[in-house]
Amino acid sequence: MTLFTKREKHVILFLVCTLMLGYGVKLYQGSHLYDDFKPMASIEKESFEKKARLAYDTSKRKGLNSSELSTENDSKLQTEIININTAKKQNLVKLPKIGTVTAERIIRFRDDYGPFKSFDDLLKVKGIGPKTLEKLKPQITL
């Protein structure tokens, strides 16, 4: 008495052979995965980092000479003063250390308790501490 017919034995043999062949191909491909991998020496890495810094610095300057750089820095120092009692979310996000969530909290606090009467009222908003308030003071008004 046989467990499988002749045809079933052929199917099982075919499946086993296919699985073994697939596993062999997978092993072959895995063994050649790192053939082209060449680790970078520390000297090459340092050279690359220097070139990257140089490229980044020159792309930042965009060919400006030193006198033009100083006027560029002066224009960055002039910042927009934002009224925290009337500002919308997109304006509040421009402030340092103020993200979208904190901007929403400022607006919600303003809606719930009325306009801010002093800069210290901002300390009542979650996410704004004394250090953040000191950074905000030059850029905000009531």
C-alpha atoms as a PDB file:
ATOM      1  CA  MET A   1       0.000   0.000   0.000  1.00  0.00           C
ATOM      2  CA  THR A   2       1.497   3.302  -1.075  1.00  0.00           C
ATOM      3  CA  LEU A   3       0.889   6.654   0.518  1.00  0.00           C
ATOM      4  CA  PHE A   4       1.150   8.718  -2.690  1.00  0.00           C
ATOM      5  CA  THR A   5       0.364   7.958  -6.292  1.00  0.00           C
ATOM      6  CA  LYS A   6       3.092   8.152  -8.909  1.00  0.00           C
ATOM      7  CA  ARG A   7       1.850  11.559 -10.098  1.00  0.00           C
ATOM      8  CA  GLU A   8       1.787  12.974  -6.525  1.00  0.00           C
ATOM      9  CA  LYS A   9       5.357  11.776  -5.979  1.00  0.00           C
ATOM     10  CA  HIS A  10       6.447  13.655  -9.113  1.00  0.00           C
ATOM     11  CA  VAL A  11       4.734  16.854  -7.894  1.00  0.00           C
ATOM     12  CA  ILE A  12       6.349  16.605  -4.453  1.00  0.00           C
ATOM     13  CA  LEU A  13       9.759  15.932  -6.036  1.00  0.00           C
ATOM     14  CA  PHE A  14       9.287  18.956  -8.322  1.00  0.00           C
ATOM     15  CA  LEU A  15       8.369  21.212  -5.364  1.00  0.00           C
ATOM     16  CA  VAL A  16      11.333  20.036  -3.276  1.00  0.00           C
ATOM     17  CA  CYS A  17      13.747  20.555  -6.174  1.00  0.00           C
ATOM     18  CA  THR A  18      12.329  24.014  -6.882  1.00  0.00           C
ATOM     19  CA  LEU A  19      12.691  25.036  -3.228  1.00  0.00           C
ATOM     20  CA  MET A  20      16.267  23.762  -3.086  1.00  0.00           C
ATOM     21  CA  LEU A  21      17.169  25.538  -6.326  1.00  0.00           C
ATOM     22  CA  GLY A  22      15.628  28.793  -5.038  1.00  0.00           C
ATOM     23  CA  TYR A  23      17.532  28.509  -1.775  1.00  0.00           C
ATOM     24  CA  GLY A  24      20.771  27.864  -3.695  1.00  0.00           C
ATOM     25  CA  VAL A  25      20.235  30.974  -5.842  1.00  0.00           C
ATOM     26  CA  LYS A  26      19.542  33.036  -2.713  1.00  0.00           C
ATOM     27  CA  LEU A  27      22.766  31.808  -1.100  1.00  0.00           C
ATOM     28  CA  TYR A  28      24.758  32.554  -4.246  1.00  0.00           C
ATOM     29  CA  GLN A  29      23.398  36.113  -4.501  1.00  0.00           C
ATOM     30  CA  GLY A  30      23.968  36.710  -0.786  1.00  0.00           C
ATOM     31  CA  SER A  31      27.552  35.580  -0.975  1.00  0.00           C
ATOM     32  CA  HIS A  32      28.272  38.111  -3.752  1.00  0.00           C
ATOM     33  CA  LEU A  33      26.494  40.986  -2.041  1.00  0.00           C
ATOM     34  CA  TYR A  34      29.662  42.662  -0.777  1.00  0.00           C
ATOM     35  CA  ASP A  35      31.982  41.890  -3.713  1.00  0.00           C
ATOM     36  CA  ASP A  36      32.090  45.561  -4.846  1.00  0.00           C
ATOM     37  CA  PHE A  37      32.210  46.968  -1.318  1.00  0.00           C
ATOM     38  CA  LYS A  38      35.452  48.723  -0.508  1.00  0.00           C
ATOM     39  CA  PRO A  39      35.681  50.386   2.898  1.00  0.00           C
ATOM     40  CA  MET A  40      36.821  54.001   2.899  1.00  0.00           C
ATOM     41  CA  ALA A  41      40.097  54.808   4.599  1.00  0.00           C
ATOM     42  CA  SER A  42      40.121  57.553   7.220  1.00  0.00           C
ATOM     43  CA  ILE A  43      42.298  59.753   4.969  1.00  0.00           C
ATOM     44  CA  GLU A  44      39.753  59.484   2.163  1.00  0.00           C
ATOM     45  CA  LYS A  45      36.960  60.276   4.613  1.00  0.00           C
ATOM     46  CA  GLU A  46      38.737  63.403   5.901  1.00  0.00           C
ATOM     47  CA  SER A  47      39.446  64.539   2.347  1.00  0.00           C
ATOM     48  CA  PHE A  48      35.786  64.105   1.435  1.00  0.00           C
ATOM     49  CA  GLU A  49      34.648  66.042   4.530  1.00  0.00           C
ATOM     50  CA  LYS A  50      36.992  68.940   3.681  1.00  0.00           C
ATOM     51  CA  LYS A  51      35.704  69.087   0.122  1.00  0.00           C
ATOM     52  CA  ALA A  52      32.102  68.951   1.330  1.00  0.00           C
ATOM     53  CA  ARG A  53      32.663  71.797   3.808  1.00  0.00           C
ATOM     54  CA  LEU A  54      34.375  73.882   1.143  1.00  0.00           C
ATOM     55  CA  ALA A  55      31.553  73.265  -1.324  1.00  0.00           C
ATOM     56  CA  TYR A  56      28.948  74.105   1.299  1.00  0.00           C
ATOM     57  CA  ASP A  57      30.710  77.325   2.322  1.00  0.00           C
ATOM     58  CA  THR A  58      31.144  78.550  -1.250  1.00  0.00           C
ATOM     59  CA  SER A  59      27.558  77.729  -2.163  1.00  0.00           C
ATOM     60  CA  LYS A  60      26.400  79.717   0.863  1.00  0.00           C
ATOM     61  CA  ARG A  61      28.388  82.775  -0.166  1.00  0.00           C
ATOM     62  CA  LYS A  62      27.524  82.532  -3.867  1.00  0.00           C
ATOM     63  CA  GLY A  63      30.648  84.441  -4.901  1.00  0.00           C
ATOM     64  CA  LEU A  64      30.174  87.482  -2.661  1.00  0.00           C
ATOM     65  CA  ASN A  65      33.246  89.391  -1.511  1.00  0.00           C
ATOM     66  CA  SER A  66      33.787  90.383   2.119  1.00  0.00           C
ATOM     67  CA  SER A  67      32.059  93.797   1.873  1.00  0.00           C
ATOM     68  CA  GLU A  68      28.962  92.229   0.349  1.00  0.00           C
ATOM     69  CA  LEU A  69      28.983  89.555   3.063  1.00  0.00           C
ATOM     70  CA  SER A  70      28.840  92.174   5.809  1.00  0.00           C
ATOM     71  CA  THR A  71      25.814  93.882   4.214  1.00  0.00           C
ATOM     72  CA  GLU A  72      24.168  90.483   3.889  1.00  0.00           C
ATOM     73  CA  ASN A  73      24.667  89.850   7.609  1.00  0.00           C
ATOM     74  CA  ASP A  74      23.343  93.333   8.445  1.00  0.00           C
ATOM     75  CA  SER A  75      20.153  92.669   6.518  1.00  0.00           C
ATOM     76  CA  LYS A  76      19.666  89.414   8.436  1.00  0.00           C
ATOM     77  CA  LEU A  77      19.911  91.319  11.709  1.00  0.00           C
ATOM     78  CA  GLN A  78      16.916  93.434  10.773  1.00  0.00           C
ATOM     79  CA  THR A  79      13.992  91.278  11.814  1.00  0.00           C
ATOM     80  CA  GLU A  80      10.298  91.789  11.659  1.00  0.00           C
ATOM     81  CA  ILE A  81       8.583  92.824  14.906  1.00  0.00           C
ATOM     82  CA  ILE A  82       5.475  90.714  15.458  1.00  0.00           C
ATOM     83  CA  ASN A  83       2.513  91.766  17.580  1.00  0.00           C
ATOM     84  CA  ILE A  84       1.609  88.680  19.583  1.00  0.00           C
ATOM     85  CA  ASN A  85      -1.899  89.978  20.288  1.00  0.00           C
ATOM     86  CA  THR A  86      -2.863  90.165  16.611  1.00  0.00           C
ATOM     87  CA  ALA A  87      -0.442  87.826  14.813  1.00  0.00           C
ATOM     88  CA  LYS A  88      -1.682  84.802  12.947  1.00  0.00           C
ATOM     89  CA  LYS A  89      -0.152  81.346  13.175  1.00  0.00           C
ATOM     90  CA  GLN A  90       2.108  81.723  10.122  1.00  0.00           C
ATOM     91  CA  ASN A  91       3.635  84.898  11.598  1.00  0.00           C
ATOM     92  CA  LEU A  92       4.142  83.387  15.050  1.00  0.00           C
ATOM     93  CA  VAL A  93       6.004  80.432  13.560  1.00  0.00           C
ATOM     94  CA  LYS A  94       8.650  82.865  12.239  1.00  0.00           C
ATOM     95  CA  LEU A  95       9.711  83.585  15.813  1.00  0.00           C
ATOM     96  CA  PRO A  96      12.667  81.653  17.263  1.00  0.00           C
ATOM     97  CA  LYS A  97      11.797  78.513  19.240  1.00  0.00           C
ATOM     98  CA  ILE A  98       8.109  78.802  18.224  1.00  0.00           C
ATOM     99  CA  GLY A  99       6.735  75.897  16.231  1.00  0.00           C
ATOM    100  CA  THR A 100       3.253  75.270  14.943  1.00  0.00           C
ATOM    101  CA  VAL A 101       2.056  73.686  18.193  1.00  0.00           C
ATOM    102  CA  THR A 102       3.319  76.549  20.364  1.00  0.00           C
ATOM    103  CA  ALA A 103       1.858  79.096  17.928  1.00  0.00           C
ATOM    104  CA  GLU A 104      -1.516  77.381  18.256  1.00  0.00           C
ATOM    105  CA  ARG A 105      -1.179  77.452  22.053  1.00  0.00           C
ATOM    106  CA  ILE A 106      -0.443  81.195  21.966  1.00  0.00           C
ATOM    107  CA  ILE A 107      -3.528  81.826  19.838  1.00  0.00           C
ATOM    108  CA  ARG A 108      -5.679  79.580  22.036  1.00  0.00           C
ATOM    109  CA  PHE A 109      -4.428  81.327  25.199  1.00  0.00           C
ATOM    110  CA  ARG A 110      -5.121  84.714  23.594  1.00  0.00           C
ATOM    111  CA  ASP A 111      -8.636  83.625  22.638  1.00  0.00           C
ATOM    112  CA  ASP A 112      -9.379  82.184  26.080  1.00  0.00           C
ATOM    113  CA  TYR A 113      -7.871  84.875  28.322  1.00  0.00           C
ATOM    114  CA  GLY A 114      -7.800  87.965  26.114  1.00  0.00           C
ATOM    115  CA  PRO A 115      -4.805  89.892  24.791  1.00  0.00           C
ATOM    116  CA  PHE A 116      -1.430  89.665  26.486  1.00  0.00           C
ATOM    117  CA  LYS A 117      -0.896  92.561  28.870  1.00  0.00           C
ATOM    118  CA  SER A 118       2.827  91.976  29.413  1.00  0.00           C
ATOM    119  CA  PHE A 119       5.588  89.825  28.042  1.00  0.00           C
ATOM    120  CA  ASP A 120       5.524  87.759  31.224  1.00  0.00           C
ATOM    121  CA  ASP A 121       2.021  86.554  30.320  1.00  0.00           C
ATOM    122  CA  LEU A 122       3.697  84.453  27.631  1.00  0.00           C
ATOM    123  CA  LEU A 123       5.221  82.338  30.398  1.00  0.00           C
ATOM    124  CA  LYS A 124       1.730  81.007  31.084  1.00  0.00           C
ATOM    125  CA  VAL A 125       1.689  79.389  27.627  1.00  0.00           C
ATOM    126  CA  LYS A 126       2.924  75.806  27.717  1.00  0.00           C
ATOM    127  CA  GLY A 127       6.196  75.470  25.833  1.00  0.00           C
ATOM    128  CA  ILE A 128       7.483  78.964  26.563  1.00  0.00           C
ATOM    129  CA  GLY A 129       9.955  79.295  29.386  1.00  0.00           C
ATOM    130  CA  PRO A 130      12.154  82.135  30.602  1.00  0.00           C
ATOM    131  CA  LYS A 131      14.954  81.410  28.111  1.00  0.00           C
ATOM    132  CA  THR A 132      12.567  81.298  25.168  1.00  0.00           C
ATOM    133  CA  LEU A 133      10.921  84.511  26.348  1.00  0.00           C
ATOM    134  CA  GLU A 134      14.307  86.282  26.431  1.00  0.00           C
ATOM    135  CA  LYS A 135      14.929  85.249  22.813  1.00  0.00           C
ATOM    136  CA  LEU A 136      11.443  86.423  21.816  1.00  0.00           C
ATOM    137  CA  LYS A 137      11.467  89.865  23.489  1.00  0.00           C
ATOM    138  CA  PRO A 138      13.470  91.688  20.785  1.00  0.00           C
ATOM    139  CA  GLN A 139      11.141  90.399  18.068  1.00  0.00           C
ATOM    140  CA  ILE A 140       7.702  90.833  19.639  1.00  0.00           C
ATOM    141  CA  THR A 141       5.451  93.643  20.718  1.00  0.00           C
ATOM    142  CA  LEU A 142       2.118  93.837  22.510  1.00  0.00           C
END
